[in-house]
Structures are given as structure tokens and as C-alpha cells.
Amino acid sequence: MAFQSPAAGYAEQRIRFSELVRLPPHSSYVLRSEGDYPETGIVSGSLLAVDRSLTPAHGHIVIAELDNELVIRRLLLTPAPGLQELGGDGTVTQLTPGEPLPVWGVVAYALTDLAGRGFSQAPD
């Protein structure tokens, strides 16, 4: 009597990022990180998938507009609204309660090149 292999019925499937990552095409952007924030999984050169349709929540990593510049920060809503720097000493920029948040988008995913191979460049 022959026994069936424990691996029978197991078929390895190729990874399709478009099936793993669900982002609306009309409100999603890919940005490249210029800073190192290893505690968040983001290092210099990481690709950040930013979704502008997500509602920002306390603790989210966001792209915010400060002084007419886009910067990456952690959004704090309690006890008072603020934007915390991810590097350095974690300085918090206080925001005025009741004013619209200067959040451009929420970082939904970060893709980091750990093997040092570099990312493909989009054709012009």
C-alpha cells in the first residue's frame, strides 16, 4: 500500500503584489524615502505606498505638508494633535486643535531593498 506524499496538493504560487496590496489607483502614490527610520521599517531608498484616501488615525505614519514641504511623520491625535519626527529625538510639532490636519496621505506600505539590488526604474 502506498501512502500519499504530505506535500501532495501543495502547489507553490508566485507572489503577485497587485493581489497582496490593495490600493485605489486614483488616490495612491509611490514615494521614495530619503531618511532612515529603522524602527518603522523604513530606510533611505525605501518605496512608500501612500494612500490619500485613508483617514489618518493616531499613530499612523503619514506624509504631511509642513512649511510647503512634504515630510514623513507619525501622527499623534491624543492628548493633543501633533506630528512627531521619526528620527532624532522624536520632536513633536504641535498642531492647533480644530484646524484641518496637514496630512497629505497615509503611508500604507513600505518596500525596502534588503538585498541591495535596487528597484527597477519606471520608463519615461
C-alpha atoms as a PDB file:
ATOM      1  CA  MET A   1       0.000   0.000   0.000  1.00  0.00           C
ATOM      2  CA  ALA A   2       1.407   3.416  -0.979  1.00  0.00           C
ATOM      3  CA  PHE A   3       0.982   6.492   1.128  1.00  0.00           C
ATOM      4  CA  GLN A   4       0.255   9.872  -0.389  1.00  0.00           C
ATOM      5  CA  SER A   5       3.007  12.443  -0.023  1.00  0.00           C
ATOM      6  CA  PRO A   6       2.314  15.061   2.676  1.00  0.00           C
ATOM      7  CA  ALA A   7       3.158  17.668   0.027  1.00  0.00           C
ATOM      8  CA  ALA A   8       0.505  16.402  -2.360  1.00  0.00           C
ATOM      9  CA  GLY A   9      -1.955  19.114  -3.191  1.00  0.00           C
ATOM     10  CA  TYR A  10       0.521  21.800  -2.239  1.00  0.00           C
ATOM     11  CA  ALA A  11       1.446  23.918  -5.187  1.00  0.00           C
ATOM     12  CA  GLU A  12       3.734  26.875  -4.723  1.00  0.00           C
ATOM     13  CA  GLN A  13       2.252  30.002  -6.222  1.00  0.00           C
ATOM     14  CA  ARG A  14       4.074  33.049  -7.494  1.00  0.00           C
ATOM     15  CA  ILE A  15       3.657  36.222  -5.488  1.00  0.00           C
ATOM     16  CA  ARG A  16       1.600  38.878  -7.193  1.00  0.00           C
ATOM     17  CA  PHE A  17       1.989  42.159  -5.348  1.00  0.00           C
ATOM     18  CA  SER A  18      -1.081  43.574  -7.074  1.00  0.00           C
ATOM     19  CA  GLU A  19      -3.127  40.871  -5.325  1.00  0.00           C
ATOM     20  CA  LEU A  20      -1.452  41.376  -1.935  1.00  0.00           C
ATOM     21  CA  VAL A  21      -1.513  45.155  -1.880  1.00  0.00           C
ATOM     22  CA  ARG A  22      -4.896  46.741  -2.410  1.00  0.00           C
ATOM     23  CA  LEU A  23      -4.614  50.443  -3.059  1.00  0.00           C
ATOM     24  CA  PRO A  24      -7.055  52.560  -5.036  1.00  0.00           C
ATOM     25  CA  PRO A  25      -5.262  53.739  -8.198  1.00  0.00           C
ATOM     26  CA  HIS A  26      -6.881  57.186  -8.178  1.00  0.00           C
ATOM     27  CA  SER A  27      -5.526  58.120  -4.728  1.00  0.00           C
ATOM     28  CA  SER A  28      -2.279  56.169  -4.341  1.00  0.00           C
ATOM     29  CA  TYR A  29       1.265  57.337  -4.935  1.00  0.00           C
ATOM     30  CA  VAL A  30       4.723  55.814  -4.562  1.00  0.00           C
ATOM     31  CA  LEU A  31       7.378  57.996  -2.943  1.00  0.00           C
ATOM     32  CA  ARG A  32      10.995  57.191  -2.134  1.00  0.00           C
ATOM     33  CA  SER A  33      12.214  57.728   1.427  1.00  0.00           C
ATOM     34  CA  GLU A  34      15.258  59.946   1.820  1.00  0.00           C
ATOM     35  CA  GLY A  35      15.714  59.238   5.517  1.00  0.00           C
ATOM     36  CA  ASP A  36      16.445  56.246   7.737  1.00  0.00           C
ATOM     37  CA  TYR A  37      13.764  55.268  10.253  1.00  0.00           C
ATOM     38  CA  PRO A  38      14.627  51.624  11.039  1.00  0.00           C
ATOM     39  CA  GLU A  39      12.222  51.421  13.987  1.00  0.00           C
ATOM     40  CA  THR A  40       9.369  51.809  11.467  1.00  0.00           C
ATOM     41  CA  GLY A  41      10.869  49.531   8.811  1.00  0.00           C
ATOM     42  CA  ILE A  42      11.712  52.466   6.574  1.00  0.00           C
ATOM     43  CA  VAL A  43      15.278  53.129   5.459  1.00  0.00           C
ATOM     44  CA  SER A  44      16.757  55.508   2.929  1.00  0.00           C
ATOM     45  CA  GLY A  45      15.587  54.417  -0.515  1.00  0.00           C
ATOM     46  CA  SER A  46      12.506  52.517   0.691  1.00  0.00           C
ATOM     47  CA  LEU A  47       9.489  52.816  -1.576  1.00  0.00           C
ATOM     48  CA  LEU A  48       6.467  54.160   0.290  1.00  0.00           C
ATOM     49  CA  ALA A  49       2.967  53.411  -0.977  1.00  0.00           C
ATOM     50  CA  VAL A  50       0.944  56.422   0.156  1.00  0.00           C
ATOM     51  CA  ASP A  51      -2.847  56.347   0.091  1.00  0.00           C
ATOM     52  CA  ARG A  52      -4.522  59.738   0.132  1.00  0.00           C
ATOM     53  CA  SER A  53      -7.990  58.224   0.594  1.00  0.00           C
ATOM     54  CA  LEU A  54      -7.247  56.670   4.006  1.00  0.00           C
ATOM     55  CA  THR A  55      -8.482  58.513   7.059  1.00  0.00           C
ATOM     56  CA  PRO A  56      -5.429  59.318   9.186  1.00  0.00           C
ATOM     57  CA  ALA A  57      -5.541  57.861  12.694  1.00  0.00           C
ATOM     58  CA  HIS A  58      -3.456  58.210  15.844  1.00  0.00           C
ATOM     59  CA  GLY A  59      -0.068  56.534  15.393  1.00  0.00           C
ATOM     60  CA  HIS A  60      -0.195  56.333  11.594  1.00  0.00           C
ATOM     61  CA  ILE A  61       2.960  57.152   9.648  1.00  0.00           C
ATOM     62  CA  VAL A  62       1.913  59.989   7.355  1.00  0.00           C
ATOM     63  CA  ILE A  63       3.230  62.322   4.719  1.00  0.00           C
ATOM     64  CA  ALA A  64       2.472  65.809   5.987  1.00  0.00           C
ATOM     65  CA  GLU A  65       2.870  69.242   4.492  1.00  0.00           C
ATOM     66  CA  LEU A  66       4.913  71.484   6.780  1.00  0.00           C
ATOM     67  CA  ASP A  67       6.280  74.827   5.612  1.00  0.00           C
ATOM     68  CA  ASN A  68       5.339  73.978   1.990  1.00  0.00           C
ATOM     69  CA  GLU A  69       7.404  70.773   2.123  1.00  0.00           C
ATOM     70  CA  LEU A  70       6.295  67.132   2.262  1.00  0.00           C
ATOM     71  CA  VAL A  71       7.790  65.333   5.274  1.00  0.00           C
ATOM     72  CA  ILE A  72       7.311  61.937   6.887  1.00  0.00           C
ATOM     73  CA  ARG A  73       5.977  61.985  10.451  1.00  0.00           C
ATOM     74  CA  ARG A  74       3.983  59.955  12.990  1.00  0.00           C
ATOM     75  CA  LEU A  75       0.533  61.436  13.560  1.00  0.00           C
ATOM     76  CA  LEU A  76      -0.426  61.989  17.178  1.00  0.00           C
ATOM     77  CA  LEU A  77      -4.023  62.878  17.983  1.00  0.00           C
ATOM     78  CA  THR A  78      -4.106  62.392  21.746  1.00  0.00           C
ATOM     79  CA  PRO A  79      -3.728  64.036  24.157  1.00  0.00           C
ATOM     80  CA  ALA A  80      -3.270  66.876  21.645  1.00  0.00           C
ATOM     81  CA  PRO A  81      -2.748  66.809  17.861  1.00  0.00           C
ATOM     82  CA  GLY A  82       0.848  66.793  16.716  1.00  0.00           C
ATOM     83  CA  LEU A  83       3.346  65.450  14.205  1.00  0.00           C
ATOM     84  CA  GLN A  84       6.308  63.521  15.633  1.00  0.00           C
ATOM     85  CA  GLU A  85       9.637  63.266  13.820  1.00  0.00           C
ATOM     86  CA  LEU A  86      10.599  59.646  13.217  1.00  0.00           C
ATOM     87  CA  GLY A  87      14.335  60.167  13.608  1.00  0.00           C
ATOM     88  CA  GLY A  88      16.463  62.041  16.075  1.00  0.00           C
ATOM     89  CA  ASP A  89      14.884  62.890  19.386  1.00  0.00           C
ATOM     90  CA  GLY A  90      11.290  62.495  18.140  1.00  0.00           C
ATOM     91  CA  THR A  91      10.455  66.174  18.357  1.00  0.00           C
ATOM     92  CA  VAL A  92       6.718  66.825  18.232  1.00  0.00           C
ATOM     93  CA  THR A  93       5.319  69.736  16.225  1.00  0.00           C
ATOM     94  CA  GLN A  94       2.112  70.753  17.958  1.00  0.00           C
ATOM     95  CA  LEU A  95      -0.931  71.339  15.762  1.00  0.00           C
ATOM     96  CA  THR A  96      -3.834  73.651  16.501  1.00  0.00           C
ATOM     97  CA  PRO A  97      -6.846  71.679  17.776  1.00  0.00           C
ATOM     98  CA  GLY A  98      -9.854  72.053  15.488  1.00  0.00           C
ATOM     99  CA  GLU A  99      -7.750  73.032  12.457  1.00  0.00           C
ATOM    100  CA  PRO A 100      -7.536  70.673   9.470  1.00  0.00           C
ATOM    101  CA  LEU A 101      -4.629  68.237   9.743  1.00  0.00           C
ATOM    102  CA  PRO A 102      -1.756  68.961   7.326  1.00  0.00           C
ATOM    103  CA  VAL A 103      -1.750  65.294   6.284  1.00  0.00           C
ATOM    104  CA  TRP A 104      -1.130  64.745   2.570  1.00  0.00           C
ATOM    105  CA  GLY A 105      -1.521  60.956   2.782  1.00  0.00           C
ATOM    106  CA  VAL A 106      -1.113  57.865   4.952  1.00  0.00           C
ATOM    107  CA  VAL A 107       1.843  55.533   4.382  1.00  0.00           C
ATOM    108  CA  ALA A 108       0.111  52.214   3.763  1.00  0.00           C
ATOM    109  CA  TYR A 109       3.142  50.093   2.820  1.00  0.00           C
ATOM    110  CA  ALA A 110       6.934  50.353   2.786  1.00  0.00           C
ATOM    111  CA  LEU A 111       9.040  48.221   0.467  1.00  0.00           C
ATOM    112  CA  THR A 112      12.717  48.038   1.357  1.00  0.00           C
ATOM    113  CA  ASP A 113      15.513  46.673  -0.834  1.00  0.00           C
ATOM    114  CA  LEU A 114      17.305  44.415   1.665  1.00  0.00           C
ATOM    115  CA  ALA A 115      19.459  42.650  -0.914  1.00  0.00           C
ATOM    116  CA  GLY A 116      20.897  45.884  -2.330  1.00  0.00           C
ATOM    117  CA  ARG A 117      19.777  45.098  -5.869  1.00  0.00           C
ATOM    118  CA  GLY A 118      17.959  48.385  -6.391  1.00  0.00           C
ATOM    119  CA  PHE A 119      14.477  48.935  -7.704  1.00  0.00           C
ATOM    120  CA  SER A 120      13.555  48.995 -11.351  1.00  0.00           C
ATOM    121  CA  GLN A 121      13.098  52.486 -12.688  1.00  0.00           C
ATOM    122  CA  ALA A 122       9.802  53.321 -14.338  1.00  0.00           C
ATOM    123  CA  PRO A 123      10.198  54.024 -18.057  1.00  0.00           C
ATOM    124  CA  ASP A 124       9.885  57.664 -19.086  1.00  0.00           C
END
